[in-house]
Amino acid sequence: MGARCSKFSFCWWHSHLKPSLLDSSDLENGGKNEKNAFPVFTEFSLDELKMATNGFSSENIVSEHGEKAPNVVYKGLLENGRWVAVKRFNRSAWPDSRQFLDEARVVGNLRSDRLANLIGCCCEGEEKLLVAEFMPNETLAKHLFHWENQPMKWAMRLRVAFYLAQALDYCSSKGRALYHDLNAYRVLFDQDGNPRLSCFGLMKNSRDGKSYSTNLAFTPPEYLKTGRVTPESVVYSFGTMLLDLLSGKHIPPSHALDLIRGKNFLMLMDSCLEGHFSNDDGSELVRLATRCLQYEARERPNAKSLVTSLMSLQKETEVLSHVLLGIPHGTATPPQPLLLTPMGEACLRKDLTALHEILEKSGYKDDEGIANELSFQMWTNQMQETLNSKKHGDAAFRAKDFITAIDCYTQFIDGGTMVSPTVYARRCLCYLMSDLPQEALGDAMQAQVVFPEWPTAFYLQAAGLFVLGIENDAQEALKEATKLEAKRNKN
């Protein structure tokens, strides 16, 4: 097992390996030789991606660096049932919209089953978003550094290195050799447990188009001198990832090279792998990492030679990736997001015109059963005035004369002879239409006080909160409204 393959044995091994593991030639179109194996690149609207991600809910965040990262990745579900990863950039990134669209279209032309492919983008106003295939089984960082059930097997580590080299070789062959900040968080696992390289690193993602690791200990020497990324810089980063796979830890390259020069490479090896790899395999991977980490960029190998070197190291090639990774097949599909009603969708889109149509159509039917304690005297004088105020308010509401409607509904509410949650709801929308979201939110909350389990009250709270930019609270109100409406429909 430890000896290197002879020329004959290598040829036999090559001919008997599964094509999906070896051949880079079939990586385009997913190794399936089918032109339609991947979705076409699409330019999405912001509303579509808002719907897909449940209004960019914090519960949909999947990026390893959390909600406060400058560029956040969300999971989402498109209307066609496809799960996607949506990267939302900080508004200071990509000041040039044309450059963003051009970059996205070029990267969106790449199609490989070694990539988590870019399938779309969105560019509206200050919003810049990328849409990629969703990978449900976490990152290499999770499986390598923060594993829970079992450490990553040696054969799987070798497969990750090989597939990653194939991904880089494919990108180079398509003129996209530059990859920004290659690290263990950029390698994702699909539903079959196969490792894929995130397409997001193929895009420039900063104001000046420069991006690399923020940790100087892992940054290529030439980047520190020139501030530029080259294909050789990417190979250097690949070398740091080989060290990650060897050690199960993120060891700074300079420290690792000191250990290697001291002929003490076993100190690098993950103690969890003891007895599960041959010294020859370990030595070969260390030798390859050393070549990638050469100080002089021209002395590093290119992506194609990395593929060739790693090909002969593959083990247990007949074992499926999800088995090697120790995960059930096809698991980790994210939970279904909220199935929003038309009113919920209107709130999420901040479509006040649609909300107006819904409220006008529903009328006052939800006021039925609301108790109103009226004294006998009120029927003779104040009652008629109160009803007239409501009548005039409704006429103004229908005519979209929102200022007049506010005045009339205010007279009705201040009269105190009747309590109507619908009047509060209508005045709430009038306030929203008049760019008074704080007052609108107050009315929506008052409607909830009058009618505690009324979905409309929560929907309008969500609308007001969305307009105010209080996204998390808006999402909670939207969930409550959806839940209450579903409960009402069951009864």
Protein backbone atom coordinates (compact mmCIF):
# COMPACT_ATOMS: atom_id res chain seq x y z
CA MET A 1 0.00 0.00 0.00
CA GLY A 2 2.83 2.33 0.84
CA ALA A 3 4.78 1.80 -2.41
CA ARG A 4 4.29 4.12 -5.37
CA CYS A 5 2.39 2.58 -8.32
CA SER A 6 4.44 1.16 -11.17
CA LYS A 7 3.57 2.37 -14.67
CA PHE A 8 1.58 -0.83 -15.37
CA SER A 9 -0.34 -0.82 -12.10
CA PHE A 10 -1.15 2.87 -12.51
CA CYS A 11 -2.61 2.24 -15.97
CA TRP A 12 -4.78 -0.60 -14.63
CA TRP A 13 -5.89 1.57 -11.71
CA HIS A 14 -6.67 4.47 -14.07
CA SER A 15 -8.77 2.27 -16.38
CA HIS A 16 -10.81 0.76 -13.54
CA LEU A 17 -11.53 3.97 -11.63
CA LYS A 18 -14.99 5.49 -11.87
CA PRO A 19 -14.94 8.26 -14.51
CA SER A 20 -16.66 10.71 -12.13
CA LEU A 21 -13.66 10.58 -9.85
CA LEU A 22 -10.96 11.00 -12.42
CA ASP A 23 -11.91 12.76 -15.60
CA SER A 24 -11.64 16.49 -15.78
CA SER A 25 -12.84 16.40 -19.38
CA ASP A 26 -16.41 15.60 -18.31
CA LEU A 27 -16.58 18.12 -15.50
CA GLU A 28 -18.30 20.64 -17.70
CA ASN A 29 -22.02 19.82 -17.68
CA GLY A 30 -21.59 17.92 -14.46
CA GLY A 31 -19.80 14.89 -15.80
CA LYS A 32 -23.10 13.83 -17.37
CA ASN A 33 -22.40 14.95 -20.94
CA GLU A 34 -25.79 16.62 -20.95
CA LYS A 35 -26.12 20.19 -22.12
CA ASN A 36 -29.09 20.81 -19.86
CA ALA A 37 -27.62 19.31 -16.69
CA PHE A 38 -27.47 22.75 -15.03
CA PRO A 39 -29.92 25.66 -14.91
CA VAL A 40 -29.27 28.63 -17.16
CA PHE A 41 -27.95 31.85 -15.67
CA THR A 42 -30.84 34.15 -14.64
CA GLU A 43 -31.11 37.75 -13.55
CA PHE A 44 -33.54 37.70 -10.60
CA SER A 45 -35.59 40.57 -9.24
CA LEU A 46 -35.06 41.69 -5.66
CA ASP A 47 -38.66 40.72 -4.85
CA GLU A 48 -38.03 37.16 -6.08
CA LEU A 49 -35.00 36.78 -3.81
CA LYS A 50 -36.81 38.38 -0.89
CA MET A 51 -39.57 35.82 -1.28
CA ALA A 52 -37.05 32.99 -1.62
CA THR A 53 -35.19 33.93 1.58
CA ASN A 54 -38.25 34.80 3.65
CA GLY A 55 -37.37 38.49 3.50
CA PHE A 56 -33.65 37.84 4.19
CA SER A 57 -34.62 36.36 7.53
CA SER A 58 -31.82 35.87 10.04
CA GLU A 59 -33.03 32.28 10.38
CA ASN A 60 -32.04 31.69 6.75
CA ILE A 61 -28.40 32.77 7.22
CA VAL A 62 -25.99 29.95 6.39
CA SER A 63 -22.65 31.75 6.09
CA GLU A 64 -20.11 30.53 8.61
CA HIS A 65 -19.17 34.02 9.77
CA GLY A 66 -22.65 34.88 10.98
CA GLU A 67 -25.13 37.68 10.65
CA LYS A 68 -22.65 40.51 11.21
CA ALA A 69 -20.39 39.57 8.29
CA PRO A 70 -20.19 42.30 5.64
CA ASN A 71 -21.48 39.91 2.95
CA VAL A 72 -24.08 37.45 4.21
CA VAL A 73 -25.21 34.19 2.57
CA TYR A 74 -28.82 33.01 2.94
CA LYS A 75 -30.52 29.79 1.93
CA GLY A 76 -33.61 30.27 -0.17
CA LEU A 77 -36.30 28.41 -2.08
CA LEU A 78 -37.23 29.64 -5.54
CA GLU A 79 -40.76 29.39 -6.91
CA ASN A 80 -39.70 26.44 -9.09
CA GLY A 81 -38.74 24.46 -5.97
CA ARG A 82 -34.95 24.82 -6.37
CA TRP A 83 -32.91 25.49 -3.23
CA VAL A 84 -30.32 28.22 -3.65
CA ALA A 85 -27.66 30.11 -1.72
CA VAL A 86 -28.06 33.89 -1.98
CA LYS A 87 -25.07 36.11 -1.23
CA ARG A 88 -26.07 39.66 -0.32
CA PHE A 89 -23.22 42.14 -0.56
CA ASN A 90 -22.58 45.07 1.70
CA ARG A 91 -23.92 48.21 0.05
CA SER A 92 -20.44 49.76 -0.11
CA ALA A 93 -19.21 46.87 -2.25
CA TRP A 94 -19.51 46.96 -6.02
CA PRO A 95 -20.12 50.68 -6.62
CA ASP A 96 -20.04 49.95 -10.35
CA SER A 97 -23.24 48.07 -11.23
CA ARG A 98 -22.11 47.38 -14.78
CA GLN A 99 -18.90 45.74 -13.56
CA PHE A 100 -20.88 43.60 -11.12
CA LEU A 101 -23.25 42.37 -13.84
CA ASP A 102 -20.40 41.70 -16.28
CA GLU A 103 -18.47 39.70 -13.68
CA ALA A 104 -21.56 37.72 -12.65
CA ARG A 105 -22.43 36.83 -16.24
CA VAL A 106 -18.92 35.57 -16.94
CA VAL A 107 -18.79 33.44 -13.79
CA GLY A 108 -22.37 32.35 -14.49
CA ASN A 109 -21.22 30.79 -17.77
CA LEU A 110 -19.09 28.25 -15.86
CA ARG A 111 -20.74 24.88 -15.28
CA SER A 112 -19.03 22.01 -13.48
CA ASP A 113 -19.99 19.38 -10.94
CA ARG A 114 -16.86 20.36 -9.05
CA LEU A 115 -18.32 23.84 -8.43
CA ALA A 116 -21.28 25.12 -6.46
CA ASN A 117 -22.31 26.89 -9.65
CA LEU A 118 -23.49 30.48 -9.98
CA ILE A 119 -27.00 30.33 -11.45
CA GLY A 120 -28.05 33.97 -11.21
CA CYS A 121 -27.66 37.45 -9.80
CA CYS A 122 -29.65 40.54 -8.88
CA CYS A 123 -28.67 44.19 -9.29
CA GLU A 124 -31.31 46.70 -8.17
CA GLY A 125 -30.32 50.10 -6.83
CA GLU A 126 -27.73 49.59 -4.11
CA GLU A 127 -28.56 45.89 -3.77
CA LYS A 128 -26.12 43.42 -5.32
CA LEU A 129 -26.78 39.70 -4.87
CA LEU A 130 -25.45 36.43 -6.26
CA VAL A 131 -27.46 33.20 -6.50
CA ALA A 132 -25.74 29.81 -6.46
CA GLU A 133 -26.64 26.15 -6.12
CA PHE A 134 -27.34 25.32 -2.48
CA MET A 135 -25.01 22.79 -0.86
CA PRO A 136 -26.83 21.20 2.11
CA ASN A 137 -24.00 19.38 3.88
CA GLU A 138 -21.88 22.12 5.44
CA THR A 139 -18.33 23.26 4.74
CA LEU A 140 -14.92 21.60 4.81
CA ALA A 141 -14.14 23.71 7.88
CA LYS A 142 -17.09 22.14 9.68
CA HIS A 143 -16.16 18.53 8.78
CA LEU A 144 -12.43 18.95 9.24
CA PHE A 145 -12.04 21.31 12.20
CA HIS A 146 -15.34 21.09 14.07
CA TRP A 147 -16.52 17.52 13.49
CA GLU A 148 -18.96 15.98 15.97
CA ASN A 149 -19.42 12.28 15.12
CA GLN A 150 -16.21 11.23 13.39
CA PRO A 151 -13.02 12.82 12.05
CA MET A 152 -12.74 13.02 8.28
CA LYS A 153 -11.28 9.82 6.86
CA TRP A 154 -7.97 9.85 5.03
CA ALA A 155 -9.57 8.70 1.77
CA MET A 156 -12.07 11.56 1.97
CA ARG A 157 -9.33 14.10 2.61
CA LEU A 158 -7.52 12.90 -0.50
CA ARG A 159 -10.75 13.11 -2.48
CA VAL A 160 -11.36 16.68 -1.30
CA ALA A 161 -7.87 17.68 -2.46
CA PHE A 162 -8.37 15.96 -5.82
CA TYR A 163 -11.83 17.41 -6.51
CA LEU A 164 -10.62 20.86 -5.48
CA ALA A 165 -7.65 20.61 -7.86
CA GLN A 166 -10.07 19.56 -10.62
CA ALA A 167 -12.25 22.57 -9.87
CA LEU A 168 -9.29 24.94 -10.13
CA ASP A 169 -8.11 23.25 -13.32
CA TYR A 170 -11.57 23.59 -14.87
CA CYS A 171 -11.76 27.28 -13.95
CA SER A 172 -8.27 27.87 -15.39
CA SER A 173 -9.28 26.17 -18.63
CA LYS A 174 -12.19 28.63 -18.89
CA GLY A 175 -10.01 31.69 -18.28
CA ARG A 176 -10.96 32.13 -14.59
CA ALA A 177 -7.75 31.06 -12.87
CA LEU A 178 -8.03 33.74 -10.17
CA TYR A 179 -9.82 32.68 -7.00
CA HIS A 180 -10.14 35.04 -4.04
CA ASP A 181 -9.43 33.82 -0.52
CA LEU A 182 -9.39 30.06 -1.09
CA ASN A 183 -9.94 28.41 2.30
CA ALA A 184 -11.79 25.61 4.07
CA TYR A 185 -14.99 27.68 4.24
CA ARG A 186 -15.09 27.88 0.44
CA VAL A 187 -15.37 24.09 0.02
CA LEU A 188 -18.94 22.85 0.38
CA PHE A 189 -20.55 19.40 0.33
CA ASP A 190 -23.52 18.64 -1.89
CA GLN A 191 -26.44 16.27 -1.25
CA ASP A 192 -24.24 13.30 -2.27
CA GLY A 193 -21.43 14.33 0.06
CA ASN A 194 -19.19 15.37 -2.83
CA PRO A 195 -16.94 18.39 -2.20
CA ARG A 196 -17.49 21.42 -4.41
CA LEU A 197 -15.73 24.76 -4.66
CA SER A 198 -17.94 27.79 -4.03
CA CYS A 199 -18.34 29.98 -7.12
CA PHE A 200 -18.44 33.09 -4.93
CA GLY A 201 -14.65 33.19 -4.71
CA LEU A 202 -14.46 33.57 -8.49
CA MET A 203 -16.05 37.01 -8.17
CA LYS A 204 -14.21 40.07 -6.98
CA ASN A 205 -16.02 41.14 -3.85
CA SER A 206 -14.61 44.41 -2.62
CA ARG A 207 -14.60 48.06 -3.62
CA ASP A 208 -11.21 47.88 -5.33
CA GLY A 209 -11.60 44.33 -6.60
CA LYS A 210 -8.92 43.00 -4.27
CA SER A 211 -9.72 40.30 -1.77
CA TYR A 212 -7.66 37.81 0.16
CA SER A 213 -7.39 36.24 3.59
CA THR A 214 -7.47 38.82 6.35
CA ASN A 215 -5.04 36.64 8.30
CA LEU A 216 -1.58 37.59 7.10
CA ALA A 217 -0.13 34.30 8.34
CA PHE A 218 -1.87 32.50 5.45
CA THR A 219 -1.44 35.09 2.71
CA PRO A 220 0.89 34.46 -0.30
CA PRO A 221 4.17 36.42 -0.07
CA GLU A 222 3.63 38.19 -3.41
CA TYR A 223 0.20 39.44 -2.33
CA LEU A 224 1.75 41.12 0.70
CA LYS A 225 4.23 42.86 -1.61
CA THR A 226 2.01 43.84 -4.54
CA GLY A 227 -1.58 43.53 -3.31
CA ARG A 228 -2.41 41.51 -6.42
CA VAL A 229 -3.83 38.00 -6.79
CA THR A 230 -2.26 35.76 -9.44
CA PRO A 231 -2.93 32.13 -10.45
CA GLU A 232 0.21 31.23 -8.49
CA SER A 233 -1.31 32.89 -5.41
CA VAL A 234 -4.26 30.52 -5.71
CA VAL A 235 -1.89 27.55 -5.79
CA TYR A 236 -0.24 28.86 -2.61
CA SER A 237 -3.65 28.92 -0.95
CA PHE A 238 -4.27 25.38 -2.21
CA GLY A 239 -1.07 24.40 -0.42
CA THR A 240 -2.39 25.82 2.85
CA MET A 241 -5.51 23.70 2.36
CA LEU A 242 -3.40 20.58 1.87
CA LEU A 243 -1.87 21.38 5.27
CA ASP A 244 -5.39 21.69 6.69
CA LEU A 245 -6.28 18.24 5.32
CA LEU A 246 -3.08 16.71 6.67
CA SER A 247 -3.31 18.17 10.15
CA GLY A 248 -7.03 18.66 10.79
CA LYS A 249 -6.00 22.14 11.96
CA HIS A 250 -5.28 25.48 10.30
CA ILE A 251 -1.48 25.62 10.59
CA PRO A 252 0.30 28.74 9.30
CA PRO A 253 2.42 27.72 6.27
CA SER A 254 5.66 29.15 7.64
CA HIS A 255 5.33 27.04 10.80
CA ALA A 256 4.47 23.95 8.77
CA LEU A 257 7.44 24.42 6.45
CA ASP A 258 9.77 24.65 9.46
CA LEU A 259 8.46 21.28 10.64
CA ILE A 260 8.83 19.77 7.16
CA ARG A 261 12.41 21.03 6.77
CA GLY A 262 13.18 19.38 10.08
CA LYS A 263 12.21 16.01 8.52
CA ASN A 264 9.48 15.78 11.10
CA PHE A 265 6.40 15.77 8.90
CA LEU A 266 4.58 13.28 11.16
CA MET A 267 4.22 16.14 13.64
CA LEU A 268 1.90 17.70 11.07
CA MET A 269 -0.39 14.72 10.78
CA ASP A 270 -3.78 14.64 12.45
CA SER A 271 -3.52 12.31 15.45
CA CYS A 272 -6.99 10.99 14.57
CA LEU A 273 -5.50 9.47 11.41
CA GLU A 274 -2.90 7.36 13.20
CA GLY A 275 -2.78 3.89 11.65
CA HIS A 276 -5.13 4.86 8.81
CA PHE A 277 -2.64 6.12 6.20
CA SER A 278 0.71 5.05 4.80
CA ASN A 279 3.83 7.08 5.35
CA ASP A 280 4.40 7.13 1.58
CA ASP A 281 1.01 8.76 0.99
CA GLY A 282 1.64 11.25 3.77
CA SER A 283 5.10 12.06 2.44
CA GLU A 284 3.76 12.58 -1.07
CA LEU A 285 1.04 14.97 0.10
CA VAL A 286 3.56 16.92 2.19
CA ARG A 287 5.90 17.10 -0.82
CA LEU A 288 3.06 18.49 -2.93
CA ALA A 289 2.12 21.03 -0.24
CA THR A 290 5.77 22.13 -0.05
CA ARG A 291 5.84 22.76 -3.81
CA CYS A 292 2.66 24.81 -3.59
CA LEU A 293 4.08 26.91 -0.75
CA GLN A 294 7.32 27.91 -2.48
CA TYR A 295 8.25 31.52 -1.81
CA GLU A 296 8.92 32.18 -5.50
CA ALA A 297 5.60 32.04 -7.32
CA ARG A 298 7.12 30.67 -10.55
CA GLU A 299 8.34 27.55 -8.70
CA ARG A 300 4.82 26.42 -7.77
CA PRO A 301 2.94 23.81 -9.84
CA ASN A 302 -0.10 24.72 -11.94
CA ALA A 303 -3.60 23.35 -11.41
CA LYS A 304 -3.32 20.69 -14.11
CA SER A 305 -0.18 19.18 -12.57
CA LEU A 306 -1.93 19.18 -9.17
CA VAL A 307 -4.69 17.03 -10.68
CA THR A 308 -2.13 14.59 -12.08
CA SER A 309 -0.21 14.36 -8.79
CA LEU A 310 -3.33 13.80 -6.69
CA MET A 311 -4.90 11.30 -9.08
CA SER A 312 -2.52 8.49 -8.10
CA LEU A 313 -3.11 9.07 -4.37
CA GLN A 314 -6.85 8.36 -4.40
CA LYS A 315 -8.10 5.61 -2.07
CA GLU A 316 -11.36 3.68 -1.72
CA THR A 317 -12.52 5.07 -5.04
CA GLU A 318 -15.50 2.70 -5.15
CA VAL A 319 -16.90 4.10 -1.89
CA LEU A 320 -19.44 6.88 -2.28
CA SER A 321 -18.58 10.26 -0.78
CA HIS A 322 -21.48 10.41 1.67
CA VAL A 323 -20.34 7.06 3.10
CA LEU A 324 -16.76 8.29 3.51
CA LEU A 325 -18.04 11.50 5.04
CA GLY A 326 -20.27 9.58 7.46
CA ILE A 327 -23.53 11.32 6.58
CA PRO A 328 -26.86 9.84 5.43
CA HIS A 329 -27.49 10.34 1.75
CA GLY A 330 -29.48 13.39 0.74
CA THR A 331 -29.90 14.80 4.25
CA ALA A 332 -29.73 18.34 5.56
CA THR A 333 -32.36 19.75 3.20
CA PRO A 334 -33.39 22.97 4.90
CA PRO A 335 -36.88 23.28 6.35
CA GLN A 336 -39.65 24.72 4.22
CA PRO A 337 -39.97 28.48 4.55
CA LEU A 338 -43.29 30.17 5.29
CA LEU A 339 -45.99 29.62 2.69
CA LEU A 340 -47.18 33.18 2.50
CA THR A 341 -50.72 34.25 1.68
CA PRO A 342 -51.32 37.09 -0.81
CA MET A 343 -51.46 39.52 2.12
CA GLY A 344 -48.22 38.14 3.51
CA GLU A 345 -46.53 38.47 0.13
CA ALA A 346 -47.76 42.06 -0.19
CA CYS A 347 -46.30 42.89 3.24
CA LEU A 348 -42.96 41.31 2.35
CA ARG A 349 -42.80 43.27 -0.91
CA LYS A 350 -44.02 46.44 0.84
CA ASP A 351 -46.67 46.53 -1.89
CA LEU A 352 -49.06 49.05 -0.30
CA THR A 353 -51.33 49.13 -3.36
CA ALA A 354 -51.95 45.38 -3.05
CA LEU A 355 -52.62 45.80 0.68
CA HIS A 356 -55.15 48.53 -0.11
CA GLU A 357 -57.00 46.24 -2.53
CA ILE A 358 -57.08 43.39 0.01
CA LEU A 359 -58.38 45.59 2.85
CA GLU A 360 -61.00 47.20 0.64
CA LYS A 361 -62.21 43.81 -0.60
CA SER A 362 -62.40 42.26 2.88
CA GLY A 363 -64.53 45.12 4.19
CA TYR A 364 -65.71 44.95 7.80
CA LYS A 365 -66.51 41.24 8.06
CA ASP A 366 -63.80 40.74 10.70
CA ASP A 367 -65.49 43.27 12.98
CA GLU A 368 -68.43 40.92 13.48
CA GLY A 369 -68.55 39.68 17.04
CA ILE A 370 -66.56 42.59 18.46
CA ALA A 371 -68.54 43.71 21.49
CA ASN A 372 -69.46 47.39 21.65
CA GLU A 373 -71.01 48.68 24.84
CA LEU A 374 -73.28 51.56 23.92
CA SER A 375 -75.46 53.51 26.30
CA PHE A 376 -79.00 54.36 25.24
CA GLN A 377 -78.16 58.06 24.97
CA MET A 378 -75.47 57.37 22.37
CA TRP A 379 -78.04 56.06 19.90
CA THR A 380 -79.76 59.42 19.76
CA ASN A 381 -76.90 61.84 19.07
CA GLN A 382 -73.30 60.67 18.93
CA MET A 383 -74.01 57.42 17.14
CA GLN A 384 -75.09 59.04 13.91
CA GLU A 385 -72.10 61.40 13.91
CA THR A 386 -69.75 58.49 14.54
CA LEU A 387 -71.22 56.41 11.73
CA ASN A 388 -71.05 59.39 9.38
CA SER A 389 -67.33 59.83 10.14
CA LYS A 390 -66.72 56.17 9.33
CA LYS A 391 -68.84 56.43 6.15
CA HIS A 392 -66.89 59.48 4.90
CA GLY A 393 -63.61 57.78 5.83
CA ASP A 394 -64.53 54.67 3.84
CA ALA A 395 -65.41 56.79 0.80
CA ALA A 396 -62.06 58.57 1.00
CA PHE A 397 -60.29 55.21 1.50
CA ARG A 398 -61.87 53.82 -1.67
CA ALA A 399 -60.92 56.98 -3.56
CA LYS A 400 -57.33 56.72 -2.21
CA ASP A 401 -57.67 60.13 -0.60
CA PHE A 402 -55.61 58.96 2.35
CA ILE A 403 -55.25 62.31 4.16
CA THR A 404 -59.04 62.78 4.29
CA ALA A 405 -59.49 59.15 5.31
CA ILE A 406 -57.07 59.66 8.22
CA ASP A 407 -59.06 62.70 9.43
CA CYS A 408 -62.42 60.89 9.20
CA TYR A 409 -61.20 57.69 10.83
CA THR A 410 -59.58 59.75 13.59
CA GLN A 411 -62.96 61.43 14.29
CA PHE A 412 -64.57 57.98 14.44
CA ILE A 413 -61.93 56.61 16.84
CA ASP A 414 -61.90 59.73 19.03
CA GLY A 415 -65.72 59.65 19.26
CA GLY A 416 -65.37 56.55 21.41
CA THR A 417 -68.85 55.19 20.69
CA MET A 418 -67.65 52.17 18.72
CA VAL A 419 -64.45 50.12 18.58
CA SER A 420 -63.48 48.79 15.14
CA PRO A 421 -60.23 46.93 14.43
CA THR A 422 -60.88 47.39 10.71
CA VAL A 423 -60.89 51.18 11.09
CA TYR A 424 -57.51 50.94 12.84
CA ALA A 425 -56.27 48.70 10.00
CA ARG A 426 -57.48 51.10 7.33
CA ARG A 427 -56.02 54.14 9.08
CA CYS A 428 -52.78 52.18 9.50
CA LEU A 429 -52.55 51.70 5.74
CA CYS A 430 -53.41 55.37 5.16
CA TYR A 431 -50.50 56.30 7.42
CA LEU A 432 -48.19 53.98 5.45
CA MET A 433 -49.38 55.55 2.21
CA SER A 434 -48.66 58.97 3.71
CA ASP A 435 -45.10 58.00 4.72
CA LEU A 436 -45.92 57.85 8.44
CA PRO A 437 -44.79 54.31 9.32
CA GLN A 438 -44.43 54.92 13.07
CA GLU A 439 -48.07 56.05 13.34
CA ALA A 440 -49.08 53.12 11.15
CA LEU A 441 -47.34 50.66 13.46
CA GLY A 442 -49.19 52.15 16.43
CA ASP A 443 -52.55 51.57 14.72
CA ALA A 444 -51.67 47.99 13.79
CA MET A 445 -50.76 47.29 17.41
CA GLN A 446 -54.00 48.93 18.58
CA ALA A 447 -55.96 46.68 16.22
CA GLN A 448 -54.25 43.70 17.86
CA VAL A 449 -55.29 44.97 21.31
CA VAL A 450 -58.92 45.11 20.15
CA PHE A 451 -58.75 41.75 18.34
CA PRO A 452 -55.78 39.76 19.79
CA GLU A 453 -55.83 36.88 17.26
CA TRP A 454 -56.57 38.86 14.11
CA PRO A 455 -54.07 37.97 11.34
CA THR A 456 -54.55 41.34 9.61
CA ALA A 457 -53.27 43.19 12.67
CA PHE A 458 -50.03 41.19 12.58
CA TYR A 459 -49.71 41.50 8.80
CA LEU A 460 -49.92 45.28 9.08
CA GLN A 461 -47.41 45.30 11.93
CA ALA A 462 -45.07 43.37 9.63
CA ALA A 463 -45.65 45.89 6.83
CA GLY A 464 -44.89 48.81 9.14
CA LEU A 465 -41.77 47.15 10.51
CA PHE A 466 -40.51 46.32 7.00
CA VAL A 467 -40.96 49.95 5.97
CA LEU A 468 -39.07 51.04 9.10
CA GLY A 469 -36.26 48.61 8.24
CA ILE A 470 -36.73 46.50 11.38
CA GLU A 471 -36.41 43.23 9.48
CA ASN A 472 -36.19 40.66 12.28
CA ASP A 473 -39.26 41.94 14.14
CA ALA A 474 -41.10 42.20 10.83
CA GLN A 475 -40.34 38.53 10.16
CA GLU A 476 -41.68 37.53 13.56
CA ALA A 477 -44.91 39.45 12.96
CA LEU A 478 -45.23 37.85 9.52
CA LYS A 479 -44.80 34.37 11.02
CA GLU A 480 -47.45 35.06 13.65
CA ALA A 481 -49.88 36.38 11.02
CA THR A 482 -49.32 33.33 8.81
CA LYS A 483 -49.81 30.97 11.75
CA LEU A 484 -53.02 32.70 12.87
CA GLU A 485 -54.44 32.69 9.35
CA ALA A 486 -53.66 28.99 8.91
CA LYS A 487 -55.36 28.27 12.24
CA ARG A 488 -58.40 30.33 11.20
CA ASN A 489 -58.68 28.48 7.88
CA LYS A 490 -58.70 25.11 9.65
CA ASN A 491 -61.64 26.05 11.84
